[in-house]
Amino acid sequence: MGMDAERGPEAAHRVVRQDDNGNRFLLARGLDRARAEELAAEYEARGHKQLYWVEPEDPAEPGGPGSPA
């Protein structure tokens, strides 16, 4: 069973983009997986030569879900 499956469907996810130079940018966070996948697909459909993906957020990360504001 993968890490994402262990967190459950309510786990927060983020959408990340990588440009042609390998720079990574956070596009959205705090989304459920379905919405994050939908948003990544919307960006990909625009036809840019960029890589978009969805990953679960780590609640222990600074600024992650459940961390102090």
N, C-alpha and C. Protein backbone atom coordinates (compact mmCIF):
# COMPACT_ATOMS: atom_id res chain seq x y z
N MET A 1 0.85 -1.18 0.00
CA MET A 1 0.00 0.00 0.00
C MET A 1 0.89 1.23 0.00
N GLY A 2 0.62 2.23 -0.86
CA GLY A 2 1.43 3.43 -0.96
C GLY A 2 1.15 4.41 0.17
N MET A 3 2.05 5.35 0.31
CA MET A 3 1.92 6.35 1.37
C MET A 3 0.63 7.13 1.22
N ASP A 4 0.26 7.48 0.01
CA ASP A 4 -0.93 8.27 -0.21
C ASP A 4 -2.18 7.51 0.23
N ALA A 5 -2.24 6.23 -0.06
CA ALA A 5 -3.38 5.42 0.32
C ALA A 5 -3.49 5.34 1.84
N GLU A 6 -2.38 5.34 2.54
CA GLU A 6 -2.39 5.26 3.99
C GLU A 6 -2.92 6.55 4.61
N ARG A 7 -2.76 7.68 3.94
CA ARG A 7 -3.21 8.96 4.48
C ARG A 7 -4.71 9.14 4.33
N GLY A 8 -5.30 8.45 3.38
CA GLY A 8 -6.73 8.56 3.15
C GLY A 8 -7.07 9.64 2.15
N PRO A 9 -8.29 9.60 1.63
CA PRO A 9 -8.70 10.55 0.59
C PRO A 9 -8.79 11.99 1.07
N GLU A 10 -8.93 12.20 2.39
CA GLU A 10 -9.07 13.56 2.90
C GLU A 10 -7.73 14.26 3.10
N ALA A 11 -6.63 13.57 2.86
CA ALA A 11 -5.31 14.18 3.02
C ALA A 11 -5.15 15.34 2.05
N ALA A 12 -4.46 16.38 2.50
CA ALA A 12 -4.23 17.55 1.65
C ALA A 12 -3.15 17.24 0.62
N HIS A 13 -3.35 17.75 -0.59
CA HIS A 13 -2.42 17.57 -1.69
C HIS A 13 -2.03 18.92 -2.26
N ARG A 14 -0.90 18.92 -2.97
CA ARG A 14 -0.45 20.15 -3.63
C ARG A 14 -0.13 19.86 -5.08
N VAL A 15 -0.16 20.91 -5.89
CA VAL A 15 0.19 20.83 -7.31
C VAL A 15 1.52 21.57 -7.49
N VAL A 16 2.46 20.90 -8.14
CA VAL A 16 3.80 21.44 -8.33
C VAL A 16 4.10 21.48 -9.83
N ARG A 17 4.87 22.50 -10.23
CA ARG A 17 5.28 22.64 -11.63
C ARG A 17 6.80 22.68 -11.69
N GLN A 18 7.35 22.05 -12.73
CA GLN A 18 8.79 22.14 -12.99
C GLN A 18 8.99 22.73 -14.38
N ASP A 19 9.80 23.78 -14.47
CA ASP A 19 10.03 24.43 -15.75
C ASP A 19 11.18 23.76 -16.50
N ASP A 20 11.48 24.29 -17.67
CA ASP A 20 12.51 23.71 -18.54
C ASP A 20 13.90 23.73 -17.92
N ASN A 21 14.12 24.59 -16.94
CA ASN A 21 15.42 24.70 -16.29
C ASN A 21 15.52 23.87 -15.01
N GLY A 22 14.46 23.12 -14.70
CA GLY A 22 14.47 22.28 -13.51
C GLY A 22 14.02 22.99 -12.24
N ASN A 23 13.58 24.24 -12.36
CA ASN A 23 13.08 24.97 -11.20
C ASN A 23 11.67 24.49 -10.86
N ARG A 24 11.41 24.29 -9.59
CA ARG A 24 10.10 23.80 -9.14
C ARG A 24 9.35 24.90 -8.42
N PHE A 25 8.03 24.93 -8.67
CA PHE A 25 7.17 25.96 -8.11
C PHE A 25 5.90 25.33 -7.56
N LEU A 26 5.50 25.76 -6.37
CA LEU A 26 4.25 25.33 -5.77
C LEU A 26 3.13 26.16 -6.39
N LEU A 27 2.16 25.50 -7.01
CA LEU A 27 1.05 26.21 -7.66
C LEU A 27 -0.19 26.28 -6.77
N ALA A 28 -0.45 25.22 -6.03
CA ALA A 28 -1.63 25.18 -5.17
C ALA A 28 -1.38 24.18 -4.06
N ARG A 29 -2.03 24.39 -2.93
CA ARG A 29 -1.88 23.47 -1.81
C ARG A 29 -3.18 23.37 -1.04
N GLY A 30 -3.27 22.37 -0.18
CA GLY A 30 -4.46 22.21 0.65
C GLY A 30 -5.67 21.67 -0.08
N LEU A 31 -5.45 21.03 -1.22
CA LEU A 31 -6.55 20.50 -2.03
C LEU A 31 -6.76 19.02 -1.75
N ASP A 32 -7.99 18.54 -1.98
CA ASP A 32 -8.16 17.09 -1.94
C ASP A 32 -7.56 16.53 -3.22
N ARG A 33 -7.26 15.25 -3.24
CA ARG A 33 -6.54 14.68 -4.37
C ARG A 33 -7.27 14.87 -5.70
N ALA A 34 -8.58 14.69 -5.70
CA ALA A 34 -9.35 14.82 -6.95
C ALA A 34 -9.22 16.23 -7.52
N ARG A 35 -9.36 17.24 -6.69
CA ARG A 35 -9.24 18.62 -7.18
C ARG A 35 -7.82 18.93 -7.62
N ALA A 36 -6.83 18.42 -6.89
CA ALA A 36 -5.44 18.64 -7.27
C ALA A 36 -5.15 18.02 -8.64
N GLU A 37 -5.62 16.80 -8.87
CA GLU A 37 -5.44 16.14 -10.17
C GLU A 37 -6.13 16.93 -11.28
N GLU A 38 -7.32 17.43 -10.99
CA GLU A 38 -8.07 18.22 -11.96
C GLU A 38 -7.31 19.50 -12.33
N LEU A 39 -6.76 20.16 -11.33
CA LEU A 39 -6.02 21.39 -11.57
C LEU A 39 -4.75 21.12 -12.38
N ALA A 40 -4.03 20.07 -12.04
CA ALA A 40 -2.82 19.70 -12.79
C ALA A 40 -3.18 19.42 -14.25
N ALA A 41 -4.29 18.74 -14.47
CA ALA A 41 -4.73 18.44 -15.84
C ALA A 41 -5.08 19.73 -16.60
N GLU A 42 -5.68 20.69 -15.91
CA GLU A 42 -6.01 21.97 -16.54
C GLU A 42 -4.73 22.68 -17.00
N TYR A 43 -3.73 22.70 -16.15
CA TYR A 43 -2.46 23.33 -16.52
C TYR A 43 -1.81 22.59 -17.70
N GLU A 44 -1.80 21.27 -17.66
CA GLU A 44 -1.20 20.49 -18.75
C GLU A 44 -1.91 20.73 -20.07
N ALA A 45 -3.22 20.92 -20.01
CA ALA A 45 -4.01 21.12 -21.22
C ALA A 45 -3.68 22.45 -21.92
N ARG A 46 -3.03 23.35 -21.22
CA ARG A 46 -2.67 24.64 -21.82
C ARG A 46 -1.54 24.51 -22.84
N GLY A 47 -0.88 23.37 -22.86
CA GLY A 47 0.11 23.11 -23.90
C GLY A 47 1.51 23.61 -23.63
N HIS A 48 1.77 24.10 -22.44
CA HIS A 48 3.14 24.54 -22.13
C HIS A 48 4.05 23.33 -21.97
N LYS A 49 5.31 23.50 -22.26
CA LYS A 49 6.27 22.41 -22.11
C LYS A 49 6.79 22.37 -20.68
N GLN A 50 5.89 22.22 -19.75
CA GLN A 50 6.24 22.17 -18.33
C GLN A 50 5.69 20.88 -17.76
N LEU A 51 6.26 20.46 -16.67
CA LEU A 51 5.83 19.24 -16.00
C LEU A 51 5.01 19.62 -14.78
N TYR A 52 3.83 19.02 -14.64
CA TYR A 52 2.95 19.27 -13.51
C TYR A 52 2.67 17.96 -12.81
N TRP A 53 2.64 17.96 -11.48
CA TRP A 53 2.29 16.75 -10.76
C TRP A 53 1.63 17.10 -9.43
N VAL A 54 1.02 16.06 -8.86
CA VAL A 54 0.31 16.16 -7.59
C VAL A 54 1.06 15.31 -6.58
N GLU A 55 1.21 15.83 -5.37
CA GLU A 55 1.83 15.06 -4.30
C GLU A 55 1.14 15.38 -2.98
N PRO A 56 1.12 14.41 -2.08
CA PRO A 56 0.51 14.68 -0.77
C PRO A 56 1.36 15.66 0.01
N GLU A 57 0.69 16.49 0.79
CA GLU A 57 1.42 17.43 1.65
C GLU A 57 1.81 16.71 2.94
N ASP A 58 2.96 17.05 3.46
CA ASP A 58 3.44 16.50 4.71
C ASP A 58 3.00 17.43 5.84
N PRO A 59 2.14 16.96 6.74
CA PRO A 59 1.66 17.82 7.82
C PRO A 59 2.80 18.34 8.72
N ALA A 60 3.93 17.66 8.73
CA ALA A 60 5.05 18.07 9.57
C ALA A 60 5.88 19.19 8.93
N GLU A 61 5.68 19.44 7.63
CA GLU A 61 6.42 20.48 6.92
C GLU A 61 6.01 21.86 7.42
N PRO A 62 6.97 22.79 7.54
CA PRO A 62 6.58 24.16 7.91
C PRO A 62 5.58 24.71 6.90
N GLY A 63 4.49 25.24 7.40
CA GLY A 63 3.46 25.78 6.52
C GLY A 63 2.51 24.72 6.01
N GLY A 64 2.73 23.46 6.38
CA GLY A 64 1.86 22.38 5.94
C GLY A 64 0.57 22.35 6.74
N PRO A 65 -0.35 21.48 6.34
CA PRO A 65 -1.62 21.39 7.04
C PRO A 65 -1.40 21.06 8.51
N GLY A 66 -2.06 21.76 9.38
CA GLY A 66 -1.96 21.49 10.80
C GLY A 66 -0.81 22.20 11.49
N SER A 67 0.04 22.88 10.74
CA SER A 67 1.15 23.60 11.38
C SER A 67 0.65 24.98 11.83
N PRO A 68 1.33 25.57 12.81
CA PRO A 68 0.90 26.91 13.26
C PRO A 68 1.02 27.93 12.14
N ALA A 69 0.12 28.88 12.12
CA ALA A 69 0.11 29.89 11.06
C ALA A 69 1.22 30.89 11.20
